[in-house]
């Protein structure tokens, strides 16, 4: 599993990007499923790294900071849309 983590992460991010762009700008109905599959792949590698915290401490801290940044951006967007 360890040797496939980077491929799973990159595949998940690319699929999320394709799904979000396809759904938002091109209004494809299947794009939301592509985004969900990408999110699931990304979640798999995050959970694996969380269970092996000592080995992936740097990656885990980067993931936490990234997720907090996304959450803060979502709150700002929600406040601006009011």
PDB file of N, CA and C in Angstrom:
ATOM      1  N   UNK A   1       0.834  -1.194   0.000  1.00  0.00           N
ATOM      2  CA  UNK A   1       0.000   0.000   0.000  1.00  0.00           C
ATOM      3  C   UNK A   1       0.872   1.249   0.000  1.00  0.00           C
ATOM      4  N   UNK A   2       1.996   1.173   0.717  1.00  0.00           N
ATOM      5  CA  UNK A   2       2.849   2.342   0.881  1.00  0.00           C
ATOM      6  C   UNK A   2       3.340   2.885  -0.467  1.00  0.00           C
ATOM      7  N   UNK A   3       3.661   1.994  -1.401  1.00  0.00           N
ATOM      8  CA  UNK A   3       4.208   2.462  -2.671  1.00  0.00           C
ATOM      9  C   UNK A   3       3.134   3.040  -3.594  1.00  0.00           C
ATOM     10  N   UNK A   4       1.863   2.821  -3.300  1.00  0.00           N
ATOM     11  CA  UNK A   4       0.780   3.340  -4.133  1.00  0.00           C
ATOM     12  C   UNK A   4       0.164   4.630  -3.588  1.00  0.00           C
ATOM     13  N   UNK A   5       0.587   5.085  -2.424  1.00  0.00           N
ATOM     14  CA  UNK A   5      -0.050   6.245  -1.783  1.00  0.00           C
ATOM     15  C   UNK A   5       0.030   7.510  -2.622  1.00  0.00           C
ATOM     16  N   UNK A   6       1.181   7.799  -3.201  1.00  0.00           N
ATOM     17  CA  UNK A   6       1.324   9.027  -3.982  1.00  0.00           C
ATOM     18  C   UNK A   6       0.432   8.973  -5.226  1.00  0.00           C
ATOM     19  N   UNK A   7       0.365   7.820  -5.867  1.00  0.00           N
ATOM     20  CA  UNK A   7      -0.508   7.670  -7.034  1.00  0.00           C
ATOM     21  C   UNK A   7      -1.979   7.812  -6.683  1.00  0.00           C
ATOM     22  N   UNK A   8      -2.372   7.257  -5.542  1.00  0.00           N
ATOM     23  CA  UNK A   8      -3.755   7.378  -5.085  1.00  0.00           C
ATOM     24  C   UNK A   8      -4.078   8.838  -4.778  1.00  0.00           C
ATOM     25  N   UNK A   9      -3.152   9.530  -4.125  1.00  0.00           N
ATOM     26  CA  UNK A   9      -3.378  10.935  -3.779  1.00  0.00           C
ATOM     27  C   UNK A   9      -3.511  11.800  -5.032  1.00  0.00           C
ATOM     28  N   UNK A  10      -2.601  11.638  -5.972  1.00  0.00           N
ATOM     29  CA  UNK A  10      -2.641  12.441  -7.191  1.00  0.00           C
ATOM     30  C   UNK A  10      -3.885  12.120  -8.010  1.00  0.00           C
ATOM     31  N   UNK A  11      -4.236  10.847  -8.107  1.00  0.00           N
ATOM     32  CA  UNK A  11      -5.448  10.463  -8.839  1.00  0.00           C
ATOM     33  C   UNK A  11      -6.689  11.061  -8.197  1.00  0.00           C
ATOM     34  N   UNK A  12      -6.746  11.031  -6.889  1.00  0.00           N
ATOM     35  CA  UNK A  12      -7.889  11.604  -6.179  1.00  0.00           C
ATOM     36  C   UNK A  12      -8.023  13.096  -6.405  1.00  0.00           C
ATOM     37  N   UNK A  13      -6.912  13.813  -6.339  1.00  0.00           N
ATOM     38  CA  UNK A  13      -6.951  15.261  -6.538  1.00  0.00           C
ATOM     39  C   UNK A  13      -7.344  15.599  -7.972  1.00  0.00           C
ATOM     40  N   UNK A  14      -6.795  14.875  -8.950  1.00  0.00           N
ATOM     41  CA  UNK A  14      -7.135  15.129 -10.351  1.00  0.00           C
ATOM     42  C   UNK A  14      -8.611  14.834 -10.613  1.00  0.00           C
ATOM     43  N   UNK A  15      -9.117  13.727 -10.081  1.00  0.00           N
ATOM     44  CA  UNK A  15     -10.530  13.414 -10.273  1.00  0.00           C
ATOM     45  C   UNK A  15     -11.436  14.445  -9.601  1.00  0.00           C
ATOM     46  N   UNK A  16     -11.052  14.916  -8.410  1.00  0.00           N
ATOM     47  CA  UNK A  16     -11.850  15.963  -7.756  1.00  0.00           C
ATOM     48  C   UNK A  16     -11.858  17.228  -8.600  1.00  0.00           C
ATOM     49  N   UNK A  17     -10.706  17.589  -9.148  1.00  0.00           N
ATOM     50  CA  UNK A  17     -10.610  18.782  -9.980  1.00  0.00           C
ATOM     51  C   UNK A  17     -11.462  18.652 -11.243  1.00  0.00           C
ATOM     52  N   UNK A  18     -11.367  17.517 -11.915  1.00  0.00           N
ATOM     53  CA  UNK A  18     -12.174  17.285 -13.115  1.00  0.00           C
ATOM     54  C   UNK A  18     -13.657  17.318 -12.783  1.00  0.00           C
ATOM     55  N   UNK A  19     -14.029  16.668 -11.689  1.00  0.00           N
ATOM     56  CA  UNK A  19     -15.433  16.638 -11.293  1.00  0.00           C
ATOM     57  C   UNK A  19     -15.978  18.006 -10.943  1.00  0.00           C
ATOM     58  N   UNK A  20     -15.200  18.781 -10.205  1.00  0.00           N
ATOM     59  CA  UNK A  20     -15.665  20.123  -9.816  1.00  0.00           C
ATOM     60  C   UNK A  20     -15.780  21.045 -11.022  1.00  0.00           C
ATOM     61  N   UNK A  21     -14.803  21.010 -11.904  1.00  0.00           N
ATOM     62  CA  UNK A  21     -14.860  21.851 -13.109  1.00  0.00           C
ATOM     63  C   UNK A  21     -15.993  21.403 -14.022  1.00  0.00           C
ATOM     64  N   UNK A  22     -16.132  20.090 -14.211  1.00  0.00           N
ATOM     65  CA  UNK A  22     -17.205  19.578 -15.054  1.00  0.00           C
ATOM     66  C   UNK A  22     -18.586  19.899 -14.528  1.00  0.00           C
ATOM     67  N   UNK A  23     -18.740  19.855 -13.220  1.00  0.00           N
ATOM     68  CA  UNK A  23     -20.053  20.144 -12.632  1.00  0.00           C
ATOM     69  C   UNK A  23     -20.343  21.639 -12.615  1.00  0.00           C
ATOM     70  N   UNK A  24     -19.347  22.426 -12.246  1.00  0.00           N
ATOM     71  CA  UNK A  24     -19.564  23.872 -12.070  1.00  0.00           C
ATOM     72  C   UNK A  24     -19.701  24.606 -13.399  1.00  0.00           C
ATOM     73  N   UNK A  25     -18.810  24.343 -14.330  1.00  0.00           N
ATOM     74  CA  UNK A  25     -18.759  25.145 -15.548  1.00  0.00           C
ATOM     75  C   UNK A  25     -19.430  24.486 -16.753  1.00  0.00           C
ATOM     76  N   UNK A  26     -19.382  23.148 -16.820  1.00  0.00           N
ATOM     77  CA  UNK A  26     -19.947  22.466 -17.981  1.00  0.00           C
ATOM     78  C   UNK A  26     -21.280  21.804 -17.691  1.00  0.00           C
ATOM     79  N   UNK A  27     -21.672  21.771 -16.429  1.00  0.00           N
ATOM     80  CA  UNK A  27     -22.968  21.258 -15.984  1.00  0.00           C
ATOM     81  C   UNK A  27     -23.224  19.803 -16.413  1.00  0.00           C
ATOM     82  N   UNK A  28     -22.168  18.994 -16.364  1.00  0.00           N
ATOM     83  CA  UNK A  28     -22.328  17.564 -16.646  1.00  0.00           C
ATOM     84  C   UNK A  28     -22.913  16.886 -15.416  1.00  0.00           C
ATOM     85  N   UNK A  29     -23.877  16.013 -15.645  1.00  0.00           N
ATOM     86  CA  UNK A  29     -24.510  15.337 -14.505  1.00  0.00           C
ATOM     87  C   UNK A  29     -23.597  14.269 -13.899  1.00  0.00           C
ATOM     88  N   UNK A  30     -22.732  13.680 -14.678  1.00  0.00           N
ATOM     89  CA  UNK A  30     -21.844  12.636 -14.187  1.00  0.00           C
ATOM     90  C   UNK A  30     -20.651  13.199 -13.434  1.00  0.00           C
ATOM     91  N   UNK A  31     -20.402  14.488 -13.543  1.00  0.00           N
ATOM     92  CA  UNK A  31     -19.191  15.082 -12.962  1.00  0.00           C
ATOM     93  C   UNK A  31     -19.196  15.017 -11.437  1.00  0.00           C
ATOM     94  N   UNK A  32     -20.355  15.067 -10.837  1.00  0.00           N
ATOM     95  CA  UNK A  32     -20.412  15.007  -9.377  1.00  0.00           C
ATOM     96  C   UNK A  32     -19.935  13.638  -8.881  1.00  0.00           C
ATOM     97  N   UNK A  33     -20.206  12.591  -9.658  1.00  0.00           N
ATOM     98  CA  UNK A  33     -19.744  11.250  -9.279  1.00  0.00           C
ATOM     99  C   UNK A  33     -18.230  11.127  -9.423  1.00  0.00           C
ATOM    100  N   UNK A  34     -17.675  11.785 -10.418  1.00  0.00           N
ATOM    101  CA  UNK A  34     -16.217  11.800 -10.577  1.00  0.00           C
ATOM    102  C   UNK A  34     -15.578  12.496  -9.378  1.00  0.00           C
ATOM    103  N   UNK A  35     -16.186  13.579  -8.939  1.00  0.00           N
ATOM    104  CA  UNK A  35     -15.684  14.304  -7.772  1.00  0.00           C
ATOM    105  C   UNK A  35     -15.779  13.436  -6.508  1.00  0.00           C
ATOM    106  N   UNK A  36     -16.857  12.696  -6.364  1.00  0.00           N
ATOM    107  CA  UNK A  36     -17.037  11.816  -5.201  1.00  0.00           C
ATOM    108  C   UNK A  36     -15.993  10.698  -5.191  1.00  0.00           C
ATOM    109  N   UNK A  37     -15.713  10.117  -6.357  1.00  0.00           N
ATOM    110  CA  UNK A  37     -14.692   9.066  -6.451  1.00  0.00           C
ATOM    111  C   UNK A  37     -13.324   9.643  -6.093  1.00  0.00           C
ATOM    112  N   UNK A  38     -13.013  10.835  -6.592  1.00  0.00           N
ATOM    113  CA  UNK A  38     -11.751  11.489  -6.259  1.00  0.00           C
ATOM    114  C   UNK A  38     -11.635  11.773  -4.786  1.00  0.00           C
ATOM    115  N   UNK A  39     -12.728  12.230  -4.185  1.00  0.00           N
ATOM    116  CA  UNK A  39     -12.737  12.497  -2.750  1.00  0.00           C
ATOM    117  C   UNK A  39     -12.533  11.214  -1.955  1.00  0.00           C
ATOM    118  N   UNK A  40     -13.139  10.120  -2.399  1.00  0.00           N
ATOM    119  CA  UNK A  40     -12.973   8.831  -1.721  1.00  0.00           C
ATOM    120  C   UNK A  40     -11.517   8.351  -1.801  1.00  0.00           C
ATOM    121  N   UNK A  41     -10.887   8.506  -2.971  1.00  0.00           N
ATOM    122  CA  UNK A  41      -9.487   8.114  -3.105  1.00  0.00           C
ATOM    123  C   UNK A  41      -8.594   8.963  -2.199  1.00  0.00           C
ATOM    124  N   UNK A  42      -8.857  10.261  -2.169  1.00  0.00           N
ATOM    125  CA  UNK A  42      -8.080  11.137  -1.306  1.00  0.00           C
ATOM    126  C   UNK A  42      -8.283  10.768   0.158  1.00  0.00           C
ATOM    127  N   UNK A  43      -9.514  10.439   0.518  1.00  0.00           N
ATOM    128  CA  UNK A  43      -9.826  10.057   1.893  1.00  0.00           C
ATOM    129  C   UNK A  43      -9.122   8.757   2.285  1.00  0.00           C
ATOM    130  N   UNK A  44      -9.004   7.826   1.367  1.00  0.00           N
ATOM    131  CA  UNK A  44      -8.308   6.563   1.640  1.00  0.00           C
ATOM    132  C   UNK A  44      -6.867   6.827   2.064  1.00  0.00           C
ATOM    133  N   UNK A  45      -6.173   7.665   1.308  1.00  0.00           N
ATOM    134  CA  UNK A  45      -4.772   7.912   1.657  1.00  0.00           C
ATOM    135  C   UNK A  45      -4.637   8.738   2.933  1.00  0.00           C
ATOM    136  N   UNK A  46      -5.571   9.646   3.190  1.00  0.00           N
ATOM    137  CA  UNK A  46      -5.525  10.427   4.431  1.00  0.00           C
ATOM    138  C   UNK A  46      -5.734   9.517   5.639  1.00  0.00           C
ATOM    139  N   UNK A  47      -6.690   8.598   5.552  1.00  0.00           N
ATOM    140  CA  UNK A  47      -6.959   7.683   6.659  1.00  0.00           C
ATOM    141  C   UNK A  47      -5.780   6.744   6.882  1.00  0.00           C
ATOM    142  N   UNK A  48      -5.190   6.233   5.801  1.00  0.00           N
ATOM    143  CA  UNK A  48      -4.028   5.348   5.940  1.00  0.00           C
ATOM    144  C   UNK A  48      -2.873   6.070   6.629  1.00  0.00           C
ATOM    145  N   UNK A  49      -2.622   7.318   6.200  1.00  0.00           N
ATOM    146  CA  UNK A  49      -1.538   8.079   6.815  1.00  0.00           C
ATOM    147  C   UNK A  49      -1.854   8.438   8.263  1.00  0.00           C
ATOM    148  N   UNK A  50      -3.119   8.623   8.583  1.00  0.00           N
ATOM    149  CA  UNK A  50      -3.492   8.941   9.968  1.00  0.00           C
ATOM    150  C   UNK A  50      -3.244   7.749  10.891  1.00  0.00           C
ATOM    151  N   UNK A  51      -3.493   6.533  10.390  1.00  0.00           N
ATOM    152  CA  UNK A  51      -3.252   5.345  11.207  1.00  0.00           C
ATOM    153  C   UNK A  51      -1.761   5.042  11.354  1.00  0.00           C
ATOM    154  N   UNK A  52      -0.944   5.570  10.455  1.00  0.00           N
ATOM    155  CA  UNK A  52       0.511   5.423  10.548  1.00  0.00           C
ATOM    156  C   UNK A  52       1.132   6.792  10.804  1.00  0.00           C
ATOM    157  N   UNK A  53       0.728   7.425  11.893  1.00  0.00           N
ATOM    158  CA  UNK A  53       1.048   8.819  12.178  1.00  0.00           C
ATOM    159  C   UNK A  53       2.548   9.079  12.269  1.00  0.00           C
ATOM    160  N   UNK A  54       3.274   8.207  12.943  1.00  0.00           N
ATOM    161  CA  UNK A  54       4.705   8.443  13.150  1.00  0.00           C
ATOM    162  C   UNK A  54       5.467   8.480  11.830  1.00  0.00           C
ATOM    163  N   UNK A  55       5.074   7.635  10.910  1.00  0.00           N
ATOM    164  CA  UNK A  55       5.767   7.563   9.626  1.00  0.00           C
ATOM    165  C   UNK A  55       5.417   8.740   8.717  1.00  0.00           C
ATOM    166  N   UNK A  56       4.201   9.258   8.830  1.00  0.00           N
ATOM    167  CA  UNK A  56       3.718  10.318   7.933  1.00  0.00           C
ATOM    168  C   UNK A  56       3.348  11.585   8.701  1.00  0.00           C
ATOM    169  N   UNK A  57       4.095  11.918   9.729  1.00  0.00           N
ATOM    170  CA  UNK A  57       3.761  13.077  10.570  1.00  0.00           C
ATOM    171  C   UNK A  57       3.783  14.376   9.768  1.00  0.00           C
ATOM    172  N   UNK A  58       4.767  14.549   8.904  1.00  0.00           N
ATOM    173  CA  UNK A  58       4.860  15.774   8.106  1.00  0.00           C
ATOM    174  C   UNK A  58       3.679  15.885   7.139  1.00  0.00           C
ATOM    175  N   UNK A  59       3.356  14.798   6.441  1.00  0.00           N
ATOM    176  CA  UNK A  59       2.220  14.799   5.517  1.00  0.00           C
ATOM    177  C   UNK A  59       0.912  15.057   6.252  1.00  0.00           C
ATOM    178  N   UNK A  60       0.774  14.470   7.432  1.00  0.00           N
ATOM    179  CA  UNK A  60      -0.458  14.659   8.198  1.00  0.00           C
ATOM    180  C   UNK A  60      -0.627  16.111   8.629  1.00  0.00           C
ATOM    181  N   UNK A  61       0.452  16.744   9.053  1.00  0.00           N
ATOM    182  CA  UNK A  61       0.344  18.148   9.452  1.00  0.00           C
ATOM    183  C   UNK A  61       0.023  19.026   8.243  1.00  0.00           C
ATOM    184  N   UNK A  62       0.569  18.713   7.078  1.00  0.00           N
ATOM    185  CA  UNK A  62       0.237  19.455   5.861  1.00  0.00           C
ATOM    186  C   UNK A  62      -1.226  19.249   5.480  1.00  0.00           C
ATOM    187  N   UNK A  63      -1.719  18.024   5.623  1.00  0.00           N
ATOM    188  CA  UNK A  63      -3.122  17.746   5.320  1.00  0.00           C
ATOM    189  C   UNK A  63      -4.045  18.513   6.266  1.00  0.00           C
ATOM    190  N   UNK A  64      -3.696  18.556   7.542  1.00  0.00           N
ATOM    191  CA  UNK A  64      -4.524  19.273   8.512  1.00  0.00           C
ATOM    192  C   UNK A  64      -4.552  20.763   8.192  1.00  0.00           C
ATOM    193  N   UNK A  65      -3.395  21.339   7.896  1.00  0.00           N
ATOM    194  CA  UNK A  65      -3.335  22.762   7.557  1.00  0.00           C
ATOM    195  C   UNK A  65      -4.115  23.039   6.277  1.00  0.00           C
ATOM    196  N   UNK A  66      -3.985  22.174   5.288  1.00  0.00           N
ATOM    197  CA  UNK A  66      -4.727  22.346   4.039  1.00  0.00           C
ATOM    198  C   UNK A  66      -6.226  22.273   4.243  1.00  0.00           C
ATOM    199  N   UNK A  67      -6.675  21.317   5.044  1.00  0.00           N
ATOM    200  CA  UNK A  67      -8.106  21.184   5.301  1.00  0.00           C
ATOM    201  C   UNK A  67      -8.646  22.373   6.087  1.00  0.00           C
ATOM    202  N   UNK A  68      -7.873  22.872   7.046  1.00  0.00           N
ATOM    203  CA  UNK A  68      -8.288  24.065   7.780  1.00  0.00           C
ATOM    204  C   UNK A  68      -8.380  25.280   6.861  1.00  0.00           C
ATOM    205  N   UNK A  69      -7.434  25.402   5.934  1.00  0.00           N
ATOM    206  CA  UNK A  69      -7.473  26.519   4.977  1.00  0.00           C
ATOM    207  C   UNK A  69      -8.718  26.444   4.098  1.00  0.00           C
ATOM    208  N   UNK A  70      -9.055  25.243   3.644  1.00  0.00           N
ATOM    209  CA  UNK A  70     -10.256  25.073   2.818  1.00  0.00           C
ATOM    210  C   UNK A  70     -11.513  25.395   3.625  1.00  0.00           C
ATOM    211  N   UNK A  71     -11.574  24.961   4.860  1.00  0.00           N
ATOM    212  CA  UNK A  71     -12.736  25.250   5.712  1.00  0.00           C
ATOM    213  C   UNK A  71     -12.887  26.749   5.925  1.00  0.00           C
ATOM    214  N   UNK A  72     -11.779  27.433   6.181  1.00  0.00           N
ATOM    215  CA  UNK A  72     -11.828  28.882   6.371  1.00  0.00           C
ATOM    216  C   UNK A  72     -12.288  29.576   5.092  1.00  0.00           C
ATOM    217  N   UNK A  73     -11.779  29.128   3.937  1.00  0.00           N
ATOM    218  CA  UNK A  73     -12.222  29.715   2.665  1.00  0.00           C
ATOM    219  C   UNK A  73     -13.712  29.490   2.430  1.00  0.00           C
ATOM    220  N   UNK A  74     -14.212  28.308   2.782  1.00  0.00           N
ATOM    221  CA  UNK A  74     -15.640  28.047   2.624  1.00  0.00           C
ATOM    222  C   UNK A  74     -16.481  28.958   3.513  1.00  0.00           C
ATOM    223  N   UNK A  75     -16.042  29.185   4.749  1.00  0.00           N
ATOM    224  CA  UNK A  75     -16.757  30.105   5.636  1.00  0.00           C
ATOM    225  C   UNK A  75     -16.762  31.528   5.070  1.00  0.00           C
ATOM    226  N   UNK A  76     -15.622  31.955   4.533  1.00  0.00           N
ATOM    227  CA  UNK A  76     -15.555  33.295   3.944  1.00  0.00           C
ATOM    228  C   UNK A  76     -16.491  33.402   2.749  1.00  0.00           C
ATOM    229  N   UNK A  77     -16.514  32.394   1.902  1.00  0.00           N
ATOM    230  CA  UNK A  77     -17.412  32.400   0.748  1.00  0.00           C
ATOM    231  C   UNK A  77     -18.860  32.419   1.185  1.00  0.00           C
ATOM    232  N   UNK A  78     -19.188  31.660   2.227  1.00  0.00           N
ATOM    233  CA  UNK A  78     -20.563  31.658   2.732  1.00  0.00           C
ATOM    234  C   UNK A  78     -20.957  33.023   3.273  1.00  0.00           C
ATOM    235  N   UNK A  79     -20.023  33.695   3.947  1.00  0.00           N
ATOM    236  CA  UNK A  79     -20.318  35.025   4.478  1.00  0.00           C
ATOM    237  C   UNK A  79     -20.475  36.067   3.371  1.00  0.00           C
ATOM    238  N   UNK A  80     -19.688  35.925   2.298  1.00  0.00           N
ATOM    239  CA  UNK A  80     -19.759  36.885   1.203  1.00  0.00           C
ATOM    240  C   UNK A  80     -21.026  36.722   0.365  1.00  0.00           C
ATOM    241  N   UNK A  81     -21.586  35.524   0.331  1.00  0.00           N
ATOM    242  CA  UNK A  81     -22.786  35.275  -0.461  1.00  0.00           C
ATOM    243  C   UNK A  81     -24.052  35.779   0.213  1.00  0.00           C
ATOM    244  N   UNK A  82     -23.986  36.165   1.458  1.00  0.00           N
ATOM    245  CA  UNK A  82     -25.175  36.648   2.179  1.00  0.00           C
ATOM    246  C   UNK A  82     -25.683  37.896   1.616  1.00  0.00           C
TER     247      UNK A  82
END
